[in-house]
Amino acid sequence: MRRHAAGLDDPLRDRRISPHTFRHTTAVHLLEAGVDVNAIREWLGHIDLATTYRYTEITTKAKLAAMRACEPLSGSEGFSSLPIWRTDEELMRWLSSL
């Protein structure tokens, strides 16, 4: 499974890849695609919805989308071309490291 999950130059190459890894990854992709959490709960076979909620932790992709949604449109009256948080080099380095 490891060979098919990651290429030779991939950092996942040395990580333990199990059937649960595919299960979790699929559940996260379904959430990101907008599939209802109850449908995912049923697909995973969870009895309690609380068990499924651990798959709903915010992903880096979701964080980026949320930050972009908060940016003013360029050329908006009273706003510079970049939001103030985008000009903070230390913050941008930290965000890039995530």
N, C-alpha and C. Protein backbone atom coordinates (compact mmCIF):
# COMPACT_ATOMS: atom_id res chain seq x y z
N MET A 1 0.82 -1.19 0.00
CA MET A 1 0.00 0.00 0.00
C MET A 1 0.86 1.25 0.00
N ARG A 2 1.95 1.23 0.73
CA ARG A 2 2.81 2.41 0.80
C ARG A 2 3.31 2.79 -0.58
N ARG A 3 3.65 1.82 -1.39
CA ARG A 3 4.18 2.09 -2.72
C ARG A 3 3.12 2.80 -3.59
N HIS A 4 1.87 2.43 -3.45
CA HIS A 4 0.82 3.04 -4.26
C HIS A 4 0.33 4.36 -3.66
N ALA A 5 0.51 4.57 -2.38
CA ALA A 5 0.03 5.78 -1.72
C ALA A 5 0.98 6.95 -1.90
N ALA A 6 2.24 6.70 -2.12
CA ALA A 6 3.22 7.78 -2.22
C ALA A 6 4.29 7.43 -3.24
N GLY A 7 4.75 8.43 -3.96
CA GLY A 7 5.83 8.23 -4.91
C GLY A 7 7.17 8.11 -4.20
N LEU A 8 8.20 7.80 -4.94
CA LEU A 8 9.52 7.60 -4.35
C LEU A 8 10.07 8.84 -3.67
N ASP A 9 9.74 10.03 -4.19
CA ASP A 9 10.25 11.28 -3.61
C ASP A 9 9.26 11.90 -2.62
N ASP A 10 8.22 11.19 -2.33
CA ASP A 10 7.16 11.73 -1.46
C ASP A 10 7.53 11.54 0.01
N PRO A 11 7.26 12.55 0.87
CA PRO A 11 7.55 12.40 2.29
C PRO A 11 6.74 11.29 2.96
N LEU A 12 5.63 10.89 2.34
CA LEU A 12 4.83 9.80 2.90
C LEU A 12 5.49 8.44 2.71
N ARG A 13 6.55 8.41 1.91
CA ARG A 13 7.20 7.14 1.59
C ARG A 13 7.58 6.37 2.85
N ASP A 14 8.05 7.07 3.88
CA ASP A 14 8.50 6.40 5.11
C ASP A 14 7.41 6.35 6.17
N ARG A 15 6.25 6.87 5.87
CA ARG A 15 5.16 6.86 6.83
C ARG A 15 4.38 5.56 6.73
N ARG A 16 3.86 5.12 7.84
CA ARG A 16 3.06 3.90 7.86
C ARG A 16 1.72 4.19 7.20
N ILE A 17 1.41 3.47 6.13
CA ILE A 17 0.15 3.62 5.41
C ILE A 17 -0.66 2.36 5.66
N SER A 18 -1.86 2.56 6.18
CA SER A 18 -2.71 1.42 6.52
C SER A 18 -4.06 1.57 5.83
N PRO A 19 -4.90 0.55 5.87
CA PRO A 19 -6.25 0.71 5.33
C PRO A 19 -7.00 1.85 6.02
N HIS A 20 -6.71 2.09 7.29
CA HIS A 20 -7.37 3.19 8.00
C HIS A 20 -6.97 4.54 7.41
N THR A 21 -5.73 4.65 6.91
CA THR A 21 -5.28 5.89 6.27
C THR A 21 -6.16 6.20 5.06
N PHE A 22 -6.44 5.18 4.24
CA PHE A 22 -7.32 5.38 3.09
C PHE A 22 -8.74 5.71 3.52
N ARG A 23 -9.20 5.07 4.57
CA ARG A 23 -10.55 5.30 5.10
C ARG A 23 -10.69 6.75 5.57
N HIS A 24 -9.71 7.21 6.36
CA HIS A 24 -9.74 8.57 6.89
C HIS A 24 -9.64 9.59 5.75
N THR A 25 -8.71 9.36 4.81
CA THR A 25 -8.51 10.27 3.69
C THR A 25 -9.77 10.38 2.85
N THR A 26 -10.41 9.25 2.60
CA THR A 26 -11.65 9.26 1.82
C THR A 26 -12.74 10.05 2.54
N ALA A 27 -12.86 9.86 3.84
CA ALA A 27 -13.87 10.60 4.62
C ALA A 27 -13.62 12.10 4.56
N VAL A 28 -12.36 12.52 4.67
CA VAL A 28 -12.03 13.95 4.60
C VAL A 28 -12.35 14.50 3.21
N HIS A 29 -12.01 13.75 2.16
CA HIS A 29 -12.31 14.21 0.80
C HIS A 29 -13.82 14.32 0.58
N LEU A 30 -14.59 13.39 1.14
CA LEU A 30 -16.05 13.48 1.03
C LEU A 30 -16.57 14.73 1.72
N LEU A 31 -16.03 15.03 2.91
CA LEU A 31 -16.44 16.25 3.62
C LEU A 31 -16.11 17.50 2.80
N GLU A 32 -14.90 17.54 2.25
CA GLU A 32 -14.48 18.69 1.45
C GLU A 32 -15.33 18.84 0.20
N ALA A 33 -15.88 17.74 -0.29
CA ALA A 33 -16.73 17.79 -1.48
C ALA A 33 -18.17 18.19 -1.13
N GLY A 34 -18.44 18.37 0.16
CA GLY A 34 -19.76 18.83 0.57
C GLY A 34 -20.75 17.72 0.91
N VAL A 35 -20.27 16.49 1.04
CA VAL A 35 -21.15 15.39 1.41
C VAL A 35 -21.57 15.57 2.87
N ASP A 36 -22.83 15.36 3.17
CA ASP A 36 -23.36 15.52 4.52
C ASP A 36 -22.67 14.57 5.49
N VAL A 37 -22.36 15.06 6.68
CA VAL A 37 -21.64 14.27 7.68
C VAL A 37 -22.43 13.02 8.08
N ASN A 38 -23.77 13.08 8.03
CA ASN A 38 -24.55 11.89 8.35
C ASN A 38 -24.39 10.79 7.31
N ALA A 39 -24.26 11.18 6.04
CA ALA A 39 -24.01 10.20 4.99
C ALA A 39 -22.64 9.56 5.18
N ILE A 40 -21.67 10.36 5.56
CA ILE A 40 -20.32 9.83 5.80
C ILE A 40 -20.34 8.91 7.02
N ARG A 41 -21.08 9.30 8.05
CA ARG A 41 -21.21 8.44 9.24
C ARG A 41 -21.76 7.08 8.84
N GLU A 42 -22.77 7.08 8.01
CA GLU A 42 -23.38 5.83 7.56
C GLU A 42 -22.39 5.02 6.73
N TRP A 43 -21.67 5.68 5.83
CA TRP A 43 -20.70 5.01 4.97
C TRP A 43 -19.57 4.38 5.80
N LEU A 44 -19.14 5.10 6.85
CA LEU A 44 -18.08 4.58 7.71
C LEU A 44 -18.58 3.49 8.66
N GLY A 45 -19.88 3.44 8.86
CA GLY A 45 -20.45 2.44 9.76
C GLY A 45 -20.42 2.86 11.22
N HIS A 46 -20.30 4.16 11.46
CA HIS A 46 -20.30 4.65 12.84
C HIS A 46 -21.72 4.68 13.37
N ILE A 47 -21.90 4.23 14.58
CA ILE A 47 -23.22 4.29 15.22
C ILE A 47 -23.46 5.69 15.76
N ASP A 48 -22.45 6.26 16.39
CA ASP A 48 -22.56 7.57 17.02
C ASP A 48 -21.95 8.63 16.12
N LEU A 49 -22.69 9.70 15.87
CA LEU A 49 -22.20 10.79 15.02
C LEU A 49 -20.95 11.44 15.61
N ALA A 50 -20.81 11.42 16.92
CA ALA A 50 -19.64 12.02 17.57
C ALA A 50 -18.35 11.34 17.11
N THR A 51 -18.42 10.06 16.79
CA THR A 51 -17.24 9.34 16.29
C THR A 51 -16.81 9.90 14.94
N THR A 52 -17.77 10.29 14.13
CA THR A 52 -17.48 10.81 12.80
C THR A 52 -16.93 12.23 12.86
N TYR A 53 -17.26 12.98 13.90
CA TYR A 53 -16.83 14.37 13.98
C TYR A 53 -15.31 14.53 14.03
N ARG A 54 -14.58 13.51 14.40
CA ARG A 54 -13.12 13.66 14.38
C ARG A 54 -12.59 13.80 12.96
N TYR A 55 -13.38 13.40 11.97
CA TYR A 55 -13.00 13.58 10.57
C TYR A 55 -13.27 15.00 10.09
N THR A 56 -14.02 15.75 10.86
CA THR A 56 -14.42 17.09 10.43
C THR A 56 -13.47 18.18 10.88
N GLU A 57 -12.34 17.83 11.48
CA GLU A 57 -11.37 18.84 11.87
C GLU A 57 -11.00 19.65 10.64
N ILE A 58 -10.84 20.94 10.84
CA ILE A 58 -10.58 21.83 9.71
C ILE A 58 -9.25 21.47 9.04
N THR A 59 -9.27 21.43 7.74
CA THR A 59 -8.08 21.11 6.97
C THR A 59 -7.37 22.39 6.54
N THR A 60 -6.14 22.26 6.09
CA THR A 60 -5.39 23.42 5.61
C THR A 60 -6.12 24.06 4.44
N LYS A 61 -6.70 23.24 3.58
CA LYS A 61 -7.44 23.75 2.43
C LYS A 61 -8.63 24.61 2.89
N ALA A 62 -9.33 24.15 3.92
CA ALA A 62 -10.47 24.90 4.43
C ALA A 62 -10.01 26.19 5.10
N LYS A 63 -8.87 26.16 5.80
CA LYS A 63 -8.34 27.37 6.43
C LYS A 63 -8.01 28.42 5.38
N LEU A 64 -7.38 28.00 4.30
CA LEU A 64 -7.02 28.93 3.24
C LEU A 64 -8.27 29.53 2.60
N ALA A 65 -9.28 28.71 2.37
CA ALA A 65 -10.53 29.20 1.77
C ALA A 65 -11.19 30.21 2.70
N ALA A 66 -11.16 29.97 4.01
CA ALA A 66 -11.76 30.90 4.97
C ALA A 66 -11.01 32.23 4.98
N MET A 67 -9.70 32.16 4.92
CA MET A 67 -8.91 33.40 4.91
C MET A 67 -9.16 34.19 3.63
N ARG A 68 -9.24 33.50 2.51
CA ARG A 68 -9.48 34.19 1.23
C ARG A 68 -10.87 34.83 1.20
N ALA A 69 -11.83 34.18 1.85
CA ALA A 69 -13.19 34.73 1.89
C ALA A 69 -13.24 36.04 2.67
N CYS A 70 -12.27 36.27 3.55
CA CYS A 70 -12.23 37.48 4.37
C CYS A 70 -11.49 38.63 3.71
N GLU A 71 -10.83 38.37 2.60
CA GLU A 71 -10.08 39.42 1.93
C GLU A 71 -11.03 40.36 1.20
N PRO A 72 -10.78 41.66 1.30
CA PRO A 72 -11.61 42.59 0.52
C PRO A 72 -11.30 42.46 -0.96
N LEU A 73 -12.25 42.78 -1.79
CA LEU A 73 -12.02 42.75 -3.23
C LEU A 73 -11.00 43.81 -3.58
N SER A 74 -10.10 43.51 -4.49
CA SER A 74 -9.10 44.51 -4.85
C SER A 74 -9.79 45.71 -5.48
N GLY A 75 -9.33 46.86 -5.12
CA GLY A 75 -9.94 48.09 -5.62
C GLY A 75 -11.14 48.54 -4.81
N SER A 76 -11.49 47.80 -3.74
CA SER A 76 -12.60 48.22 -2.89
C SER A 76 -12.25 49.53 -2.23
N GLU A 77 -13.19 50.40 -2.17
CA GLU A 77 -12.95 51.73 -1.60
C GLU A 77 -12.51 51.63 -0.14
N GLY A 78 -11.43 52.32 0.19
CA GLY A 78 -10.96 52.34 1.56
C GLY A 78 -10.03 51.20 1.92
N PHE A 79 -9.75 50.30 1.00
CA PHE A 79 -8.88 49.16 1.29
C PHE A 79 -7.65 49.21 0.40
N SER A 80 -6.52 48.80 0.97
CA SER A 80 -5.32 48.68 0.15
C SER A 80 -5.47 47.42 -0.69
N SER A 81 -4.55 47.19 -1.59
CA SER A 81 -4.66 46.04 -2.47
C SER A 81 -4.48 44.72 -1.71
N LEU A 82 -3.78 44.75 -0.58
CA LEU A 82 -3.60 43.55 0.24
C LEU A 82 -4.16 43.77 1.63
N PRO A 83 -4.82 42.77 2.21
CA PRO A 83 -5.25 42.90 3.60
C PRO A 83 -4.02 43.05 4.50
N ILE A 84 -4.19 43.70 5.63
CA ILE A 84 -3.05 43.99 6.50
C ILE A 84 -2.34 42.72 6.96
N TRP A 85 -3.08 41.63 7.19
CA TRP A 85 -2.43 40.41 7.65
C TRP A 85 -1.52 39.83 6.58
N ARG A 86 -1.78 40.14 5.31
CA ARG A 86 -0.92 39.64 4.22
C ARG A 86 0.41 40.36 4.18
N THR A 87 0.51 41.53 4.80
CA THR A 87 1.77 42.29 4.79
C THR A 87 2.65 41.93 5.98
N ASP A 88 2.17 41.11 6.89
CA ASP A 88 2.94 40.68 8.06
C ASP A 88 3.81 39.49 7.66
N GLU A 89 5.10 39.75 7.43
CA GLU A 89 6.01 38.71 6.93
C GLU A 89 6.13 37.53 7.89
N GLU A 90 6.19 37.80 9.19
CA GLU A 90 6.30 36.72 10.17
C GLU A 90 5.07 35.83 10.14
N LEU A 91 3.90 36.42 10.07
CA LEU A 91 2.66 35.66 9.98
C LEU A 91 2.62 34.83 8.70
N MET A 92 3.03 35.41 7.58
CA MET A 92 3.01 34.68 6.31
C MET A 92 3.98 33.51 6.34
N ARG A 93 5.15 33.66 6.97
CA ARG A 93 6.10 32.54 7.11
C ARG A 93 5.47 31.43 7.95
N TRP A 94 4.82 31.83 9.05
CA TRP A 94 4.18 30.82 9.92
C TRP A 94 3.07 30.09 9.17
N LEU A 95 2.23 30.83 8.44
CA LEU A 95 1.15 30.19 7.67
C LEU A 95 1.71 29.25 6.61
N SER A 96 2.79 29.65 5.98
CA SER A 96 3.41 28.80 4.95
C SER A 96 3.99 27.52 5.55
N SER A 97 4.35 27.57 6.82
CA SER A 97 4.96 26.40 7.45
C SER A 97 3.92 25.35 7.83
N LEU A 98 2.63 25.71 7.83
CA LEU A 98 1.59 24.75 8.23
C LEU A 98 1.39 23.67 7.21
